[in-house]
Amino acid sequence: MTDQETVMAAGKARWLLEGGVDKLDEEERALLLALVSLEADTGRTLTDEEKEALDQIAARAGVNGAEITRAVKQMVEAETKKEHHLDWSALKARLRRK
């Protein structure tokens, strides 16, 4: 996997360790943790700096990276539900009645 194909861009771990974690909101930290953890679980080797940054994010978020990774994997691998096709004519009629 090349640097361009990874979630953690070159220098991003250093930025996170130098205070970048505080600049991310809770959702951004959780998403970054999930995506990078998923990359690691699928074979990407993280640098020591990246591991340290992820540990900081996990500690700050109060979540377990493994739990998030499992949730993301489940979402990606889950079978799709049968498509529900919307009948636009029925929707238009229902909106006109209101």
PDB file of N, CA and C in Angstrom:
ATOM      1  N   MET A   1       0.844  -1.169   0.000  1.00  0.00           N
ATOM      2  CA  MET A   1       0.000   0.000   0.000  1.00  0.00           C
ATOM      3  C   MET A   1       0.888   1.229   0.000  1.00  0.00           C
ATOM      4  N   THR A   2       0.630   2.132  -0.923  1.00  0.00           N
ATOM      5  CA  THR A   2       1.451   3.332  -0.992  1.00  0.00           C
ATOM      6  C   THR A   2       0.934   4.380  -0.022  1.00  0.00           C
ATOM      7  N   ASP A   3       1.747   5.400   0.178  1.00  0.00           N
ATOM      8  CA  ASP A   3       1.375   6.463   1.101  1.00  0.00           C
ATOM      9  C   ASP A   3       0.097   7.163   0.643  1.00  0.00           C
ATOM     10  N   GLN A   4      -0.115   7.238  -0.666  1.00  0.00           N
ATOM     11  CA  GLN A   4      -1.315   7.895  -1.183  1.00  0.00           C
ATOM     12  C   GLN A   4      -2.563   7.053  -0.952  1.00  0.00           C
ATOM     13  N   GLU A   5      -2.423   5.760  -0.746  1.00  0.00           N
ATOM     14  CA  GLU A   5      -3.555   4.872  -0.556  1.00  0.00           C
ATOM     15  C   GLU A   5      -3.936   4.702   0.914  1.00  0.00           C
ATOM     16  N   THR A   6      -3.208   5.325   1.810  1.00  0.00           N
ATOM     17  CA  THR A   6      -3.479   5.166   3.231  1.00  0.00           C
ATOM     18  C   THR A   6      -4.296   6.338   3.759  1.00  0.00           C
ATOM     19  N   VAL A   7      -4.980   6.105   4.843  1.00  0.00           N
ATOM     20  CA  VAL A   7      -5.779   7.151   5.476  1.00  0.00           C
ATOM     21  C   VAL A   7      -4.859   8.169   6.138  1.00  0.00           C
ATOM     22  N   MET A   8      -3.806   7.673   6.776  1.00  0.00           N
ATOM     23  CA  MET A   8      -2.886   8.529   7.517  1.00  0.00           C
ATOM     24  C   MET A   8      -1.817   9.053   6.553  1.00  0.00           C
ATOM     25  N   ALA A   9      -1.985  10.277   6.099  1.00  0.00           N
ATOM     26  CA  ALA A   9      -1.031  10.888   5.179  1.00  0.00           C
ATOM     27  C   ALA A   9       0.315  11.102   5.867  1.00  0.00           C
ATOM     28  N   ALA A  10       1.352  11.210   5.055  1.00  0.00           N
ATOM     29  CA  ALA A  10       2.690  11.440   5.586  1.00  0.00           C
ATOM     30  C   ALA A  10       2.692  12.696   6.451  1.00  0.00           C
ATOM     31  N   GLY A  11       3.247  12.598   7.632  1.00  0.00           N
ATOM     32  CA  GLY A  11       3.331  13.728   8.544  1.00  0.00           C
ATOM     33  C   GLY A  11       2.102  13.916   9.425  1.00  0.00           C
ATOM     34  N   LYS A  12       1.023  13.206   9.126  1.00  0.00           N
ATOM     35  CA  LYS A  12      -0.218  13.382   9.897  1.00  0.00           C
ATOM     36  C   LYS A  12      -0.057  12.869  11.329  1.00  0.00           C
ATOM     37  N   ALA A  13       0.664  11.768  11.516  1.00  0.00           N
ATOM     38  CA  ALA A  13       0.862  11.242  12.867  1.00  0.00           C
ATOM     39  C   ALA A  13       1.618  12.255  13.724  1.00  0.00           C
ATOM     40  N   ARG A  14       2.639  12.866  13.167  1.00  0.00           N
ATOM     41  CA  ARG A  14       3.416  13.872  13.906  1.00  0.00           C
ATOM     42  C   ARG A  14       2.510  15.040  14.269  1.00  0.00           C
ATOM     43  N   TRP A  15       1.671  15.497  13.310  1.00  0.00           N
ATOM     44  CA  TRP A  15       0.741  16.604  13.561  1.00  0.00           C
ATOM     45  C   TRP A  15      -0.212  16.250  14.697  1.00  0.00           C
ATOM     46  N   LEU A  16      -0.718  15.015  14.677  1.00  0.00           N
ATOM     47  CA  LEU A  16      -1.626  14.577  15.740  1.00  0.00           C
ATOM     48  C   LEU A  16      -0.937  14.598  17.093  1.00  0.00           C
ATOM     49  N   LEU A  17       0.300  14.110  17.134  1.00  0.00           N
ATOM     50  CA  LEU A  17       1.043  14.051  18.392  1.00  0.00           C
ATOM     51  C   LEU A  17       1.428  15.436  18.908  1.00  0.00           C
ATOM     52  N   GLU A  18       1.524  16.398  17.998  1.00  0.00           N
ATOM     53  CA  GLU A  18       1.907  17.763  18.397  1.00  0.00           C
ATOM     54  C   GLU A  18       0.693  18.650  18.661  1.00  0.00           C
ATOM     55  N   GLY A  19      -0.444  18.035  18.942  1.00  0.00           N
ATOM     56  CA  GLY A  19      -1.623  18.815  19.310  1.00  0.00           C
ATOM     57  C   GLY A  19      -2.777  18.719  18.337  1.00  0.00           C
ATOM     58  N   GLY A  20      -2.597  18.042  17.236  1.00  0.00           N
ATOM     59  CA  GLY A  20      -3.662  17.906  16.257  1.00  0.00           C
ATOM     60  C   GLY A  20      -4.874  17.158  16.768  1.00  0.00           C
ATOM     61  N   VAL A  21      -4.653  16.250  17.709  1.00  0.00           N
ATOM     62  CA  VAL A  21      -5.764  15.490  18.288  1.00  0.00           C
ATOM     63  C   VAL A  21      -6.787  16.452  18.894  1.00  0.00           C
ATOM     64  N   ASP A  22      -6.307  17.524  19.499  1.00  0.00           N
ATOM     65  CA  ASP A  22      -7.202  18.505  20.125  1.00  0.00           C
ATOM     66  C   ASP A  22      -7.983  19.313  19.091  1.00  0.00           C
ATOM     67  N   LYS A  23      -7.492  19.358  17.866  1.00  0.00           N
ATOM     68  CA  LYS A  23      -8.159  20.135  16.818  1.00  0.00           C
ATOM     69  C   LYS A  23      -9.263  19.340  16.132  1.00  0.00           C
ATOM     70  N   LEU A  24      -9.295  18.033  16.369  1.00  0.00           N
ATOM     71  CA  LEU A  24     -10.337  17.189  15.784  1.00  0.00           C
ATOM     72  C   LEU A  24     -11.513  17.099  16.746  1.00  0.00           C
ATOM     73  N   ASP A  25     -12.715  17.061  16.193  1.00  0.00           N
ATOM     74  CA  ASP A  25     -13.860  16.863  17.084  1.00  0.00           C
ATOM     75  C   ASP A  25     -14.021  15.366  17.359  1.00  0.00           C
ATOM     76  N   GLU A  26     -14.954  15.034  18.220  1.00  0.00           N
ATOM     77  CA  GLU A  26     -15.127  13.646  18.670  1.00  0.00           C
ATOM     78  C   GLU A  26     -15.404  12.695  17.502  1.00  0.00           C
ATOM     79  N   GLU A  27     -16.233  13.127  16.570  1.00  0.00           N
ATOM     80  CA  GLU A  27     -16.572  12.272  15.428  1.00  0.00           C
ATOM     81  C   GLU A  27     -15.370  12.057  14.519  1.00  0.00           C
ATOM     82  N   GLU A  28     -14.594  13.108  14.298  1.00  0.00           N
ATOM     83  CA  GLU A  28     -13.396  12.986  13.452  1.00  0.00           C
ATOM     84  C   GLU A  28     -12.384  12.034  14.083  1.00  0.00           C
ATOM     85  N   ARG A  29     -12.209  12.139  15.403  1.00  0.00           N
ATOM     86  CA  ARG A  29     -11.277  11.233  16.086  1.00  0.00           C
ATOM     87  C   ARG A  29     -11.750   9.792  15.965  1.00  0.00           C
ATOM     88  N   ALA A  30     -13.043   9.552  16.174  1.00  0.00           N
ATOM     89  CA  ALA A  30     -13.578   8.190  16.090  1.00  0.00           C
ATOM     90  C   ALA A  30     -13.436   7.634  14.676  1.00  0.00           C
ATOM     91  N   LEU A  31     -13.726   8.458  13.672  1.00  0.00           N
ATOM     92  CA  LEU A  31     -13.620   8.001  12.288  1.00  0.00           C
ATOM     93  C   LEU A  31     -12.171   7.699  11.922  1.00  0.00           C
ATOM     94  N   LEU A  32     -11.259   8.575  12.291  1.00  0.00           N
ATOM     95  CA  LEU A  32      -9.844   8.341  12.001  1.00  0.00           C
ATOM     96  C   LEU A  32      -9.356   7.078  12.692  1.00  0.00           C
ATOM     97  N   LEU A  33      -9.735   6.905  13.926  1.00  0.00           N
ATOM     98  CA  LEU A  33      -9.354   5.706  14.676  1.00  0.00           C
ATOM     99  C   LEU A  33      -9.893   4.456  13.989  1.00  0.00           C
ATOM    100  N   ALA A  34     -11.135   4.506  13.570  1.00  0.00           N
ATOM    101  CA  ALA A  34     -11.755   3.347  12.916  1.00  0.00           C
ATOM    102  C   ALA A  34     -11.065   3.015  11.597  1.00  0.00           C
ATOM    103  N   LEU A  35     -10.839   4.013  10.784  1.00  0.00           N
ATOM    104  CA  LEU A  35     -10.263   3.761   9.466  1.00  0.00           C
ATOM    105  C   LEU A  35      -8.819   3.280   9.542  1.00  0.00           C
ATOM    106  N   VAL A  36      -8.031   3.904  10.383  1.00  0.00           N
ATOM    107  CA  VAL A  36      -6.625   3.487  10.497  1.00  0.00           C
ATOM    108  C   VAL A  36      -6.534   2.120  11.172  1.00  0.00           C
ATOM    109  N   SER A  37      -7.384   1.861  12.159  1.00  0.00           N
ATOM    110  CA  SER A  37      -7.405   0.537  12.797  1.00  0.00           C
ATOM    111  C   SER A  37      -7.789  -0.531  11.785  1.00  0.00           C
ATOM    112  N   LEU A  38      -8.742  -0.214  10.930  1.00  0.00           N
ATOM    113  CA  LEU A  38      -9.161  -1.150   9.891  1.00  0.00           C
ATOM    114  C   LEU A  38      -8.019  -1.423   8.915  1.00  0.00           C
ATOM    115  N   GLU A  39      -7.302  -0.373   8.535  1.00  0.00           N
ATOM    116  CA  GLU A  39      -6.132  -0.563   7.670  1.00  0.00           C
ATOM    117  C   GLU A  39      -5.117  -1.493   8.323  1.00  0.00           C
ATOM    118  N   ALA A  40      -4.865  -1.273   9.602  1.00  0.00           N
ATOM    119  CA  ALA A  40      -3.895  -2.104  10.319  1.00  0.00           C
ATOM    120  C   ALA A  40      -4.365  -3.548  10.380  1.00  0.00           C
ATOM    121  N   ASP A  41      -5.656  -3.747  10.603  1.00  0.00           N
ATOM    122  CA  ASP A  41      -6.203  -5.100  10.680  1.00  0.00           C
ATOM    123  C   ASP A  41      -6.199  -5.812   9.336  1.00  0.00           C
ATOM    124  N   THR A  42      -6.142  -5.056   8.264  1.00  0.00           N
ATOM    125  CA  THR A  42      -6.153  -5.672   6.938  1.00  0.00           C
ATOM    126  C   THR A  42      -4.756  -5.745   6.318  1.00  0.00           C
ATOM    127  N   GLY A  43      -3.730  -5.549   7.150  1.00  0.00           N
ATOM    128  CA  GLY A  43      -2.382  -5.824   6.675  1.00  0.00           C
ATOM    129  C   GLY A  43      -1.414  -4.666   6.610  1.00  0.00           C
ATOM    130  N   ARG A  44      -1.874  -3.452   6.772  1.00  0.00           N
ATOM    131  CA  ARG A  44      -0.948  -2.323   6.735  1.00  0.00           C
ATOM    132  C   ARG A  44      -0.172  -2.267   8.039  1.00  0.00           C
ATOM    133  N   THR A  45       1.129  -2.092   7.941  1.00  0.00           N
ATOM    134  CA  THR A  45       1.972  -1.972   9.121  1.00  0.00           C
ATOM    135  C   THR A  45       2.067  -0.507   9.511  1.00  0.00           C
ATOM    136  N   LEU A  46       1.652  -0.208  10.718  1.00  0.00           N
ATOM    137  CA  LEU A  46       1.710   1.168  11.210  1.00  0.00           C
ATOM    138  C   LEU A  46       3.083   1.469  11.777  1.00  0.00           C
ATOM    139  N   THR A  47       3.510   2.707  11.607  1.00  0.00           N
ATOM    140  CA  THR A  47       4.773   3.132  12.203  1.00  0.00           C
ATOM    141  C   THR A  47       4.563   3.316  13.705  1.00  0.00           C
ATOM    142  N   ASP A  48       5.647   3.386  14.439  1.00  0.00           N
ATOM    143  CA  ASP A  48       5.552   3.622  15.883  1.00  0.00           C
ATOM    144  C   ASP A  48       4.852   4.952  16.164  1.00  0.00           C
ATOM    145  N   GLU A  49       5.140   5.951  15.342  1.00  0.00           N
ATOM    146  CA  GLU A  49       4.523   7.260  15.506  1.00  0.00           C
ATOM    147  C   GLU A  49       3.009   7.181  15.278  1.00  0.00           C
ATOM    148  N   GLU A  50       2.596   6.432  14.277  1.00  0.00           N
ATOM    149  CA  GLU A  50       1.170   6.264  13.996  1.00  0.00           C
ATOM    150  C   GLU A  50       0.477   5.511  15.138  1.00  0.00           C
ATOM    151  N   LYS A  51       1.144   4.484  15.650  1.00  0.00           N
ATOM    152  CA  LYS A  51       0.576   3.729  16.777  1.00  0.00           C
ATOM    153  C   LYS A  51       0.392   4.634  17.987  1.00  0.00           C
ATOM    154  N   GLU A  52       1.383   5.474  18.245  1.00  0.00           N
ATOM    155  CA  GLU A  52       1.313   6.392  19.383  1.00  0.00           C
ATOM    156  C   GLU A  52       0.169   7.389  19.185  1.00  0.00           C
ATOM    157  N   ALA A  53       0.021   7.904  17.970  1.00  0.00           N
ATOM    158  CA  ALA A  53      -1.067   8.842  17.680  1.00  0.00           C
ATOM    159  C   ALA A  53      -2.419   8.165  17.859  1.00  0.00           C
ATOM    160  N   LEU A  54      -2.550   6.926  17.402  1.00  0.00           N
ATOM    161  CA  LEU A  54      -3.809   6.201  17.565  1.00  0.00           C
ATOM    162  C   LEU A  54      -4.114   5.941  19.036  1.00  0.00           C
ATOM    163  N   ASP A  55      -3.079   5.623  19.797  1.00  0.00           N
ATOM    164  CA  ASP A  55      -3.269   5.422  21.238  1.00  0.00           C
ATOM    165  C   ASP A  55      -3.780   6.705  21.895  1.00  0.00           C
ATOM    166  N   GLN A  56      -3.239   7.849  21.459  1.00  0.00           N
ATOM    167  CA  GLN A  56      -3.681   9.138  21.995  1.00  0.00           C
ATOM    168  C   GLN A  56      -5.138   9.405  21.637  1.00  0.00           C
ATOM    169  N   ILE A  57      -5.494   9.104  20.388  1.00  0.00           N
ATOM    170  CA  ILE A  57      -6.878   9.314  19.941  1.00  0.00           C
ATOM    171  C   ILE A  57      -7.819   8.405  20.727  1.00  0.00           C
ATOM    172  N   ALA A  58      -7.443   7.147  20.873  1.00  0.00           N
ATOM    173  CA  ALA A  58      -8.287   6.186  21.587  1.00  0.00           C
ATOM    174  C   ALA A  58      -8.473   6.602  23.038  1.00  0.00           C
ATOM    175  N   ALA A  59      -7.400   7.050  23.674  1.00  0.00           N
ATOM    176  CA  ALA A  59      -7.486   7.480  25.070  1.00  0.00           C
ATOM    177  C   ALA A  59      -8.380   8.702  25.195  1.00  0.00           C
ATOM    178  N   ARG A  60      -8.266   9.583  24.254  1.00  0.00           N
ATOM    179  CA  ARG A  60      -9.061  10.822  24.270  1.00  0.00           C
ATOM    180  C   ARG A  60     -10.530  10.538  23.983  1.00  0.00           C
ATOM    181  N   ALA A  61     -10.763   9.598  23.073  1.00  0.00           N
ATOM    182  CA  ALA A  61     -12.138   9.293  22.679  1.00  0.00           C
ATOM    183  C   ALA A  61     -12.820   8.389  23.693  1.00  0.00           C
ATOM    184  N   GLY A  62     -12.027   7.705  24.510  1.00  0.00           N
ATOM    185  CA  GLY A  62     -12.610   6.798  25.481  1.00  0.00           C
ATOM    186  C   GLY A  62     -13.241   5.583  24.833  1.00  0.00           C
ATOM    187  N   VAL A  63     -12.697   5.191  23.699  1.00  0.00           N
ATOM    188  CA  VAL A  63     -13.244   4.042  22.981  1.00  0.00           C
ATOM    189  C   VAL A  63     -12.142   3.034  22.713  1.00  0.00           C
ATOM    190  N   ASN A  64     -12.566   1.849  22.353  1.00  0.00           N
ATOM    191  CA  ASN A  64     -11.649   0.773  22.041  1.00  0.00           C
ATOM    192  C   ASN A  64     -11.549   0.662  20.527  1.00  0.00           C
ATOM    193  N   GLY A  65     -10.352   0.797  19.981  1.00  0.00           N
ATOM    194  CA  GLY A  65     -10.149   0.720  18.540  1.00  0.00           C
ATOM    195  C   GLY A  65     -10.645  -0.587  17.954  1.00  0.00           C
ATOM    196  N   ALA A  66     -10.485  -1.679  18.695  1.00  0.00           N
ATOM    197  CA  ALA A  66     -10.936  -2.985  18.198  1.00  0.00           C
ATOM    198  C   ALA A  66     -12.454  -3.015  18.056  1.00  0.00           C
ATOM    199  N   GLU A  67     -13.156  -2.386  18.992  1.00  0.00           N
ATOM    200  CA  GLU A  67     -14.622  -2.345  18.908  1.00  0.00           C
ATOM    201  C   GLU A  67     -15.074  -1.563  17.684  1.00  0.00           C
ATOM    202  N   ILE A  68     -14.424  -0.440  17.439  1.00  0.00           N
ATOM    203  CA  ILE A  68     -14.774   0.372  16.281  1.00  0.00           C
ATOM    204  C   ILE A  68     -14.467  -0.382  15.001  1.00  0.00           C
ATOM    205  N   THR A  69     -13.322  -1.048  14.959  1.00  0.00           N
ATOM    206  CA  THR A  69     -12.948  -1.807  13.778  1.00  0.00           C
ATOM    207  C   THR A  69     -13.964  -2.901  13.497  1.00  0.00           C
ATOM    208  N   ARG A  70     -14.397  -3.613  14.532  1.00  0.00           N
ATOM    209  CA  ARG A  70     -15.413  -4.658  14.347  1.00  0.00           C
ATOM    210  C   ARG A  70     -16.702  -4.069  13.796  1.00  0.00           C
ATOM    211  N   ALA A  71     -17.090  -2.912  14.307  1.00  0.00           N
ATOM    212  CA  ALA A  71     -18.322  -2.271  13.836  1.00  0.00           C
ATOM    213  C   ALA A  71     -18.207  -1.868  12.368  1.00  0.00           C
ATOM    214  N   VAL A  72     -17.053  -1.325  11.981  1.00  0.00           N
ATOM    215  CA  VAL A  72     -16.860  -0.928  10.586  1.00  0.00           C
ATOM    216  C   VAL A  72     -16.850  -2.157   9.689  1.00  0.00           C
ATOM    217  N   LYS A  73     -16.166  -3.221  10.106  1.00  0.00           N
ATOM    218  CA  LYS A  73     -16.144  -4.453   9.308  1.00  0.00           C
ATOM    219  C   LYS A  73     -17.547  -5.013   9.141  1.00  0.00           C
ATOM    220  N   GLN A  74     -18.325  -5.005  10.210  1.00  0.00           N
ATOM    221  CA  GLN A  74     -19.685  -5.516  10.128  1.00  0.00           C
ATOM    222  C   GLN A  74     -20.498  -4.696   9.141  1.00  0.00           C
ATOM    223  N   MET A  75     -20.332  -3.389   9.188  1.00  0.00           N
ATOM    224  CA  MET A  75     -21.066  -2.521   8.286  1.00  0.00           C
ATOM    225  C   MET A  75     -20.674  -2.793   6.833  1.00  0.00           C
ATOM    226  N   VAL A  76     -19.387  -2.979   6.588  1.00  0.00           N
ATOM    227  CA  VAL A  76     -18.902  -3.212   5.225  1.00  0.00           C
ATOM    228  C   VAL A  76     -19.301  -4.594   4.718  1.00  0.00           C
ATOM    229  N   GLU A  77     -19.246  -5.594   5.579  1.00  0.00           N
ATOM    230  CA  GLU A  77     -19.488  -6.967   5.154  1.00  0.00           C
ATOM    231  C   GLU A  77     -20.942  -7.417   5.279  1.00  0.00           C
ATOM    232  N   ALA A  78     -21.782  -6.617   5.889  1.00  0.00           N
ATOM    233  CA  ALA A  78     -23.175  -7.004   6.091  1.00  0.00           C
ATOM    234  C   ALA A  78     -23.903  -7.147   4.757  1.00  0.00           C
ATOM    235  N   GLU A  79     -24.818  -8.105   4.708  1.00  0.00           N
ATOM    236  CA  GLU A  79     -25.614  -8.271   3.507  1.00  0.00           C
ATOM    237  C   GLU A  79     -26.567  -7.095   3.386  1.00  0.00           C
ATOM    238  N   THR A  80     -26.756  -6.685   2.150  1.00  0.00           N
ATOM    239  CA  THR A  80     -27.650  -5.564   1.931  1.00  0.00           C
ATOM    240  C   THR A  80     -29.097  -6.014   2.057  1.00  0.00           C
ATOM    241  N   LYS A  81     -29.924  -5.105   2.464  1.00  0.00           N
ATOM    242  CA  LYS A  81     -31.348  -5.391   2.557  1.00  0.00           C
ATOM    243  C   LYS A  81     -31.965  -5.239   1.175  1.00  0.00           C
ATOM    244  N   LYS A  82     -33.079  -5.898   0.988  1.00  0.00           N
ATOM    245  CA  LYS A  82     -33.787  -5.801  -0.269  1.00  0.00           C
ATOM    246  C   LYS A  82     -34.095  -4.333  -0.549  1.00  0.00           C
ATOM    247  N   GLU A  83     -33.879  -3.936  -1.798  1.00  0.00           N
ATOM    248  CA  GLU A  83     -34.127  -2.551  -2.167  1.00  0.00           C
ATOM    249  C   GLU A  83     -35.600  -2.209  -2.034  1.00  0.00           C
ATOM    250  N   HIS A  84     -35.834  -1.029  -1.585  1.00  0.00           N
ATOM    251  CA  HIS A  84     -37.197  -0.532  -1.493  1.00  0.00           C
ATOM    252  C   HIS A  84     -37.343   0.540  -2.562  1.00  0.00           C
ATOM    253  N   HIS A  85     -38.165   0.261  -3.542  1.00  0.00           N
ATOM    254  CA  HIS A  85     -38.363   1.233  -4.615  1.00  0.00           C
ATOM    255  C   HIS A  85     -39.499   2.169  -4.246  1.00  0.00           C
ATOM    256  N   LEU A  86     -39.223   3.428  -4.377  1.00  0.00           N
ATOM    257  CA  LEU A  86     -40.203   4.437  -4.037  1.00  0.00           C
ATOM    258  C   LEU A  86     -41.088   4.706  -5.241  1.00  0.00           C
ATOM    259  N   ASP A  87     -42.370   4.649  -5.036  1.00  0.00           N
ATOM    260  CA  ASP A  87     -43.332   4.951  -6.084  1.00  0.00           C
ATOM    261  C   ASP A  87     -43.607   6.449  -6.011  1.00  0.00           C
ATOM    262  N   TRP A  88     -43.015   7.189  -6.933  1.00  0.00           N
ATOM    263  CA  TRP A  88     -43.123   8.637  -6.897  1.00  0.00           C
ATOM    264  C   TRP A  88     -44.559   9.122  -7.026  1.00  0.00           C
ATOM    265  N   SER A  89     -45.379   8.408  -7.793  1.00  0.00           N
ATOM    266  CA  SER A  89     -46.761   8.849  -7.938  1.00  0.00           C
ATOM    267  C   SER A  89     -47.496   8.766  -6.598  1.00  0.00           C
ATOM    268  N   ALA A  90     -47.232   7.730  -5.826  1.00  0.00           N
ATOM    269  CA  ALA A  90     -47.855   7.596  -4.514  1.00  0.00           C
ATOM    270  C   ALA A  90     -47.365   8.693  -3.577  1.00  0.00           C
ATOM    271  N   LEU A  91     -46.103   9.037  -3.662  1.00  0.00           N
ATOM    272  CA  LEU A  91     -45.550  10.097  -2.825  1.00  0.00           C
ATOM    273  C   LEU A  91     -46.177  11.439  -3.178  1.00  0.00           C
ATOM    274  N   LYS A  92     -46.297  11.719  -4.469  1.00  0.00           N
ATOM    275  CA  LYS A  92     -46.900  12.984  -4.896  1.00  0.00           C
ATOM    276  C   LYS A  92     -48.350  13.074  -4.414  1.00  0.00           C
ATOM    277  N   ALA A  93     -49.072  11.992  -4.534  1.00  0.00           N
ATOM    278  CA  ALA A  93     -50.478  11.982  -4.101  1.00  0.00           C
ATOM    279  C   ALA A  93     -50.571  12.218  -2.598  1.00  0.00           C
ATOM    280  N   ARG A  94     -49.682  11.589  -1.842  1.00  0.00           N
ATOM    281  CA  ARG A  94     -49.687  11.739  -0.392  1.00  0.00           C
ATOM    282  C   ARG A  94     -49.343  13.178   0.009  1.00  0.00           C
ATOM    283  N   LEU A  95     -48.418  13.808  -0.710  1.00  0.00           N
ATOM    284  CA  LEU A  95     -48.043  15.180  -0.399  1.00  0.00           C
ATOM    285  C   LEU A  95     -49.170  16.161  -0.750  1.00  0.00           C
ATOM    286  N   ARG A  96     -49.910  15.854  -1.800  1.00  0.00           N
ATOM    287  CA  ARG A  96     -51.016  16.736  -2.211  1.00  0.00           C
ATOM    288  C   ARG A  96     -52.140  16.715  -1.167  1.00  0.00           C
ATOM    289  N   ARG A  97     -52.312  15.579  -0.512  1.00  0.00           N
ATOM    290  CA  ARG A  97     -53.379  15.446   0.482  1.00  0.00           C
ATOM    291  C   ARG A  97     -53.106  16.268   1.743  1.00  0.00           C
ATOM    292  N   LYS A  98     -51.877  16.593   1.988  1.00  0.00           N
ATOM    293  CA  LYS A  98     -51.521  17.318   3.219  1.00  0.00           C
ATOM    294  C   LYS A  98     -51.885  18.762   3.155  1.00  0.00           C
TER     295      LYS A  98
END
